[in-house]
Amino acid sequence: MTPVTALAVLVGLAASIQDLAVRRISNWIPLIAILGGLAIQTVQHGWRGAAGAVLGAITGFCIFLLLYVMGGMGGGDVKLMAGFGALLGVSRLLEAALWTAVCGGVLAVGVVVWVTVRNRIRGEVGKPLTAEAIPYAPAIAVGAWLSLLSTV
């Protein structure tokens, strides 16, 4: 397992567990990804690696910033994508963002099905679906992991 893969797995697990448990991602999780990605990329590729990590972090941040501003996701998700950007670099990050969108769509469908079934069980058949917060860190983590699988 490469250092990037190991750190991506640890960061993804930490963020997913915390997001599922308390619907929040602590700042230390994406910070570890950013600093770790910068260090790993610098050691492996020198100044080009460092520049790639910084550019990846900025790109990851910007990808989700618009969704955050529109109220579609939390700030922790934006920072987590920046962390994965530093780990993956820009080209892998764009692939990870596409995988994340697919995983997020599957997650959203799952939540709709779950809420519908839950309402039926409770006898609230006609109750309209309300917007519920969906923990998005698992989708981001799986998207990043899938992008890493394509490099193997």
C-alpha atoms as a PDB file:
ATOM      1  CA  MET A   1       0.000   0.000   0.000  1.00  0.00           C
ATOM      2  CA  THR A   2       1.410   3.378  -0.971  1.00  0.00           C
ATOM      3  CA  PRO A   3       1.658   6.223   1.567  1.00  0.00           C
ATOM      4  CA  VAL A   4      -0.994   8.177  -0.354  1.00  0.00           C
ATOM      5  CA  THR A   5      -3.388   5.228  -0.296  1.00  0.00           C
ATOM      6  CA  ALA A   6      -2.779   4.539   3.404  1.00  0.00           C
ATOM      7  CA  LEU A   7      -3.398   8.149   4.379  1.00  0.00           C
ATOM      8  CA  ALA A   8      -6.454   8.385   2.099  1.00  0.00           C
ATOM      9  CA  VAL A   9      -7.950   5.314   3.773  1.00  0.00           C
ATOM     10  CA  LEU A  10      -7.295   6.660   7.287  1.00  0.00           C
ATOM     11  CA  VAL A  11      -8.607  10.144   6.513  1.00  0.00           C
ATOM     12  CA  GLY A  12     -11.662   8.753   4.722  1.00  0.00           C
ATOM     13  CA  LEU A  13     -12.506   6.418   7.593  1.00  0.00           C
ATOM     14  CA  ALA A  14     -12.045   9.115  10.247  1.00  0.00           C
ATOM     15  CA  ALA A  15     -14.174  11.628   8.337  1.00  0.00           C
ATOM     16  CA  SER A  16     -16.891   9.095   7.505  1.00  0.00           C
ATOM     17  CA  ILE A  17     -17.174   7.780  11.050  1.00  0.00           C
ATOM     18  CA  GLN A  18     -17.379  11.257  12.519  1.00  0.00           C
ATOM     19  CA  ASP A  19     -19.808  12.531   9.880  1.00  0.00           C
ATOM     20  CA  LEU A  20     -22.113   9.543  10.367  1.00  0.00           C
ATOM     21  CA  ALA A  21     -21.952   9.837  14.161  1.00  0.00           C
ATOM     22  CA  VAL A  22     -22.284  13.595  14.695  1.00  0.00           C
ATOM     23  CA  ARG A  23     -22.868  15.063  11.200  1.00  0.00           C
ATOM     24  CA  ARG A  24     -19.670  17.054  11.456  1.00  0.00           C
ATOM     25  CA  ILE A  25     -16.069  16.748  10.222  1.00  0.00           C
ATOM     26  CA  SER A  26     -13.447  18.169  12.572  1.00  0.00           C
ATOM     27  CA  ASN A  27     -10.858  20.501  11.055  1.00  0.00           C
ATOM     28  CA  TRP A  28      -7.973  18.230  12.074  1.00  0.00           C
ATOM     29  CA  ILE A  29      -9.084  15.512   9.606  1.00  0.00           C
ATOM     30  CA  PRO A  30      -8.711  17.519   6.363  1.00  0.00           C
ATOM     31  CA  LEU A  31      -5.671  19.291   7.869  1.00  0.00           C
ATOM     32  CA  ILE A  32      -3.905  15.935   8.251  1.00  0.00           C
ATOM     33  CA  ALA A  33      -4.786  15.127   4.635  1.00  0.00           C
ATOM     34  CA  ILE A  34      -3.470  18.487   3.384  1.00  0.00           C
ATOM     35  CA  LEU A  35      -0.232  18.370   5.377  1.00  0.00           C
ATOM     36  CA  GLY A  36       0.280  14.668   4.679  1.00  0.00           C
ATOM     37  CA  GLY A  37      -0.424  15.105   0.975  1.00  0.00           C
ATOM     38  CA  LEU A  38       1.978  18.034   0.790  1.00  0.00           C
ATOM     39  CA  ALA A  39       4.696  16.074   2.599  1.00  0.00           C
ATOM     40  CA  ILE A  40       4.243  12.857   0.613  1.00  0.00           C
ATOM     41  CA  GLN A  41       4.061  14.607  -2.752  1.00  0.00           C
ATOM     42  CA  THR A  42       7.110  16.748  -1.925  1.00  0.00           C
ATOM     43  CA  VAL A  43       9.196  13.743  -0.841  1.00  0.00           C
ATOM     44  CA  GLN A  44       8.163  11.682  -3.858  1.00  0.00           C
ATOM     45  CA  HIS A  45       8.229  14.361  -6.574  1.00  0.00           C
ATOM     46  CA  GLY A  46      10.100  17.379  -5.216  1.00  0.00           C
ATOM     47  CA  TRP A  47       8.867  20.893  -5.946  1.00  0.00           C
ATOM     48  CA  ARG A  48       6.553  19.657  -8.677  1.00  0.00           C
ATOM     49  CA  GLY A  49       4.904  17.366  -6.154  1.00  0.00           C
ATOM     50  CA  ALA A  50       4.527  20.225  -3.686  1.00  0.00           C
ATOM     51  CA  ALA A  51       2.976  22.420  -6.371  1.00  0.00           C
ATOM     52  CA  GLY A  52       0.675  19.579  -7.403  1.00  0.00           C
ATOM     53  CA  ALA A  53      -0.474  19.092  -3.809  1.00  0.00           C
ATOM     54  CA  VAL A  54      -1.196  22.797  -3.358  1.00  0.00           C
ATOM     55  CA  LEU A  55      -3.014  23.012  -6.685  1.00  0.00           C
ATOM     56  CA  GLY A  56      -4.965  19.859  -5.835  1.00  0.00           C
ATOM     57  CA  ALA A  57      -6.018  21.297  -2.470  1.00  0.00           C
ATOM     58  CA  ILE A  58      -7.152  24.559  -4.070  1.00  0.00           C
ATOM     59  CA  THR A  59      -9.037  22.707  -6.803  1.00  0.00           C
ATOM     60  CA  GLY A  60     -10.689  20.361  -4.294  1.00  0.00           C
ATOM     61  CA  PHE A  61     -11.778  23.334  -2.215  1.00  0.00           C
ATOM     62  CA  CYS A  62     -13.179  25.163  -5.230  1.00  0.00           C
ATOM     63  CA  ILE A  63     -15.069  22.127  -6.563  1.00  0.00           C
ATOM     64  CA  PHE A  64     -17.362  22.029  -3.535  1.00  0.00           C
ATOM     65  CA  LEU A  65     -17.265  25.703  -2.568  1.00  0.00           C
ATOM     66  CA  LEU A  66     -20.182  26.581  -4.850  1.00  0.00           C
ATOM     67  CA  LEU A  67     -22.294  23.781  -3.374  1.00  0.00           C
ATOM     68  CA  TYR A  68     -21.451  25.049   0.114  1.00  0.00           C
ATOM     69  CA  VAL A  69     -22.412  28.629  -0.782  1.00  0.00           C
ATOM     70  CA  MET A  70     -25.733  27.359  -2.188  1.00  0.00           C
ATOM     71  CA  GLY A  71     -26.386  25.470   1.078  1.00  0.00           C
ATOM     72  CA  GLY A  72     -26.013  22.017  -0.469  1.00  0.00           C
ATOM     73  CA  MET A  73     -23.248  20.789   1.807  1.00  0.00           C
ATOM     74  CA  GLY A  74     -21.271  21.651   4.878  1.00  0.00           C
ATOM     75  CA  GLY A  75     -17.923  23.355   5.203  1.00  0.00           C
ATOM     76  CA  GLY A  76     -16.318  20.159   6.480  1.00  0.00           C
ATOM     77  CA  ASP A  77     -17.109  18.469   3.162  1.00  0.00           C
ATOM     78  CA  VAL A  78     -15.418  21.315   1.279  1.00  0.00           C
ATOM     79  CA  LYS A  79     -12.300  21.087   3.457  1.00  0.00           C
ATOM     80  CA  LEU A  80     -12.260  17.288   3.182  1.00  0.00           C
ATOM     81  CA  MET A  81     -12.244  17.508  -0.611  1.00  0.00           C
ATOM     82  CA  ALA A  82      -9.359  19.992  -0.357  1.00  0.00           C
ATOM     83  CA  GLY A  83      -7.501  17.442   1.770  1.00  0.00           C
ATOM     84  CA  PHE A  84      -8.061  14.706  -0.771  1.00  0.00           C
ATOM     85  CA  GLY A  85      -6.958  17.159  -3.461  1.00  0.00           C
ATOM     86  CA  ALA A  86      -3.587  17.552  -1.741  1.00  0.00           C
ATOM     87  CA  LEU A  87      -3.249  13.781  -1.505  1.00  0.00           C
ATOM     88  CA  LEU A  88      -4.396  12.944  -5.020  1.00  0.00           C
ATOM     89  CA  GLY A  89      -3.300  15.887  -7.138  1.00  0.00           C
ATOM     90  CA  VAL A  90      -5.513  17.629  -9.669  1.00  0.00           C
ATOM     91  CA  SER A  91      -5.917  14.867 -12.267  1.00  0.00           C
ATOM     92  CA  ARG A  92      -6.856  12.190  -9.711  1.00  0.00           C
ATOM     93  CA  LEU A  93      -9.002  14.685  -7.831  1.00  0.00           C
ATOM     94  CA  LEU A  94     -11.199  15.368 -10.856  1.00  0.00           C
ATOM     95  CA  GLU A  95     -11.769  11.633 -11.231  1.00  0.00           C
ATOM     96  CA  ALA A  96     -12.475  11.403  -7.493  1.00  0.00           C
ATOM     97  CA  ALA A  97     -15.020  14.236  -7.794  1.00  0.00           C
ATOM     98  CA  LEU A  98     -16.877  12.330 -10.513  1.00  0.00           C
ATOM     99  CA  TRP A  99     -16.881   9.149  -8.422  1.00  0.00           C
ATOM    100  CA  THR A 100     -18.034  11.215  -5.433  1.00  0.00           C
ATOM    101  CA  ALA A 101     -20.979  12.570  -7.428  1.00  0.00           C
ATOM    102  CA  VAL A 102     -22.014   9.032  -8.372  1.00  0.00           C
ATOM    103  CA  CYS A 103     -21.642   7.796  -4.782  1.00  0.00           C
ATOM    104  CA  GLY A 104     -23.506  10.840  -3.478  1.00  0.00           C
ATOM    105  CA  GLY A 105     -26.383  10.162  -5.878  1.00  0.00           C
ATOM    106  CA  VAL A 106     -26.608   6.556  -4.720  1.00  0.00           C
ATOM    107  CA  LEU A 107     -26.488   7.750  -1.113  1.00  0.00           C
ATOM    108  CA  ALA A 108     -29.296  10.269  -1.740  1.00  0.00           C
ATOM    109  CA  VAL A 109     -31.510   7.609  -3.345  1.00  0.00           C
ATOM    110  CA  GLY A 110     -30.806   5.355  -0.371  1.00  0.00           C
ATOM    111  CA  VAL A 111     -31.879   8.081   2.054  1.00  0.00           C
ATOM    112  CA  VAL A 112     -35.118   8.708   0.122  1.00  0.00           C
ATOM    113  CA  VAL A 113     -35.910   4.989   0.149  1.00  0.00           C
ATOM    114  CA  TRP A 114     -35.056   4.734   3.859  1.00  0.00           C
ATOM    115  CA  VAL A 115     -37.236   7.720   4.820  1.00  0.00           C
ATOM    116  CA  THR A 116     -40.125   6.411   2.693  1.00  0.00           C
ATOM    117  CA  VAL A 117     -39.940   2.961   4.278  1.00  0.00           C
ATOM    118  CA  ARG A 118     -39.584   4.476   7.753  1.00  0.00           C
ATOM    119  CA  ASN A 119     -42.668   6.642   7.176  1.00  0.00           C
ATOM    120  CA  ARG A 120     -44.662   3.614   6.016  1.00  0.00           C
ATOM    121  CA  ILE A 121     -43.652   1.649   9.113  1.00  0.00           C
ATOM    122  CA  ARG A 122     -44.693   4.556  11.320  1.00  0.00           C
ATOM    123  CA  GLY A 123     -48.015   4.835   9.496  1.00  0.00           C
ATOM    124  CA  GLU A 124     -47.143   8.240   8.059  1.00  0.00           C
ATOM    125  CA  VAL A 125     -47.768   7.246   4.436  1.00  0.00           C
ATOM    126  CA  GLY A 126     -48.916  10.654   3.201  1.00  0.00           C
ATOM    127  CA  LYS A 127     -46.188  12.557   5.034  1.00  0.00           C
ATOM    128  CA  PRO A 128     -44.087  14.542   2.560  1.00  0.00           C
ATOM    129  CA  LEU A 129     -40.364  13.958   2.397  1.00  0.00           C
ATOM    130  CA  THR A 130     -38.440  16.705   4.107  1.00  0.00           C
ATOM    131  CA  ALA A 131     -34.867  17.653   3.428  1.00  0.00           C
ATOM    132  CA  GLU A 132     -32.669  15.650   5.742  1.00  0.00           C
ATOM    133  CA  ALA A 133     -28.966  16.195   6.181  1.00  0.00           C
ATOM    134  CA  ILE A 134     -27.042  13.522   4.346  1.00  0.00           C
ATOM    135  CA  PRO A 135     -23.572  12.819   5.699  1.00  0.00           C
ATOM    136  CA  TYR A 136     -21.481  13.285   2.566  1.00  0.00           C
ATOM    137  CA  ALA A 137     -18.036  12.277   3.892  1.00  0.00           C
ATOM    138  CA  PRO A 138     -18.620   8.589   3.034  1.00  0.00           C
ATOM    139  CA  ALA A 139     -19.350   9.518  -0.590  1.00  0.00           C
ATOM    140  CA  ILE A 140     -16.242  11.724  -0.741  1.00  0.00           C
ATOM    141  CA  ALA A 141     -14.073   9.000   0.793  1.00  0.00           C
ATOM    142  CA  VAL A 142     -15.351   6.259  -1.502  1.00  0.00           C
ATOM    143  CA  GLY A 143     -14.938   8.559  -4.505  1.00  0.00           C
ATOM    144  CA  ALA A 144     -11.306   9.197  -3.567  1.00  0.00           C
ATOM    145  CA  TRP A 145     -10.675   5.499  -2.933  1.00  0.00           C
ATOM    146  CA  LEU A 146     -12.189   4.524  -6.293  1.00  0.00           C
ATOM    147  CA  SER A 147      -9.945   7.026  -8.058  1.00  0.00           C
ATOM    148  CA  LEU A 148      -6.951   5.415  -6.355  1.00  0.00           C
ATOM    149  CA  LEU A 149      -8.047   1.959  -7.479  1.00  0.00           C
ATOM    150  CA  SER A 150      -7.800   3.015 -11.091  1.00  0.00           C
ATOM    151  CA  THR A 151      -4.073   3.646 -10.619  1.00  0.00           C
ATOM    152  CA  VAL A 152      -3.364   0.080  -9.490  1.00  0.00           C
END
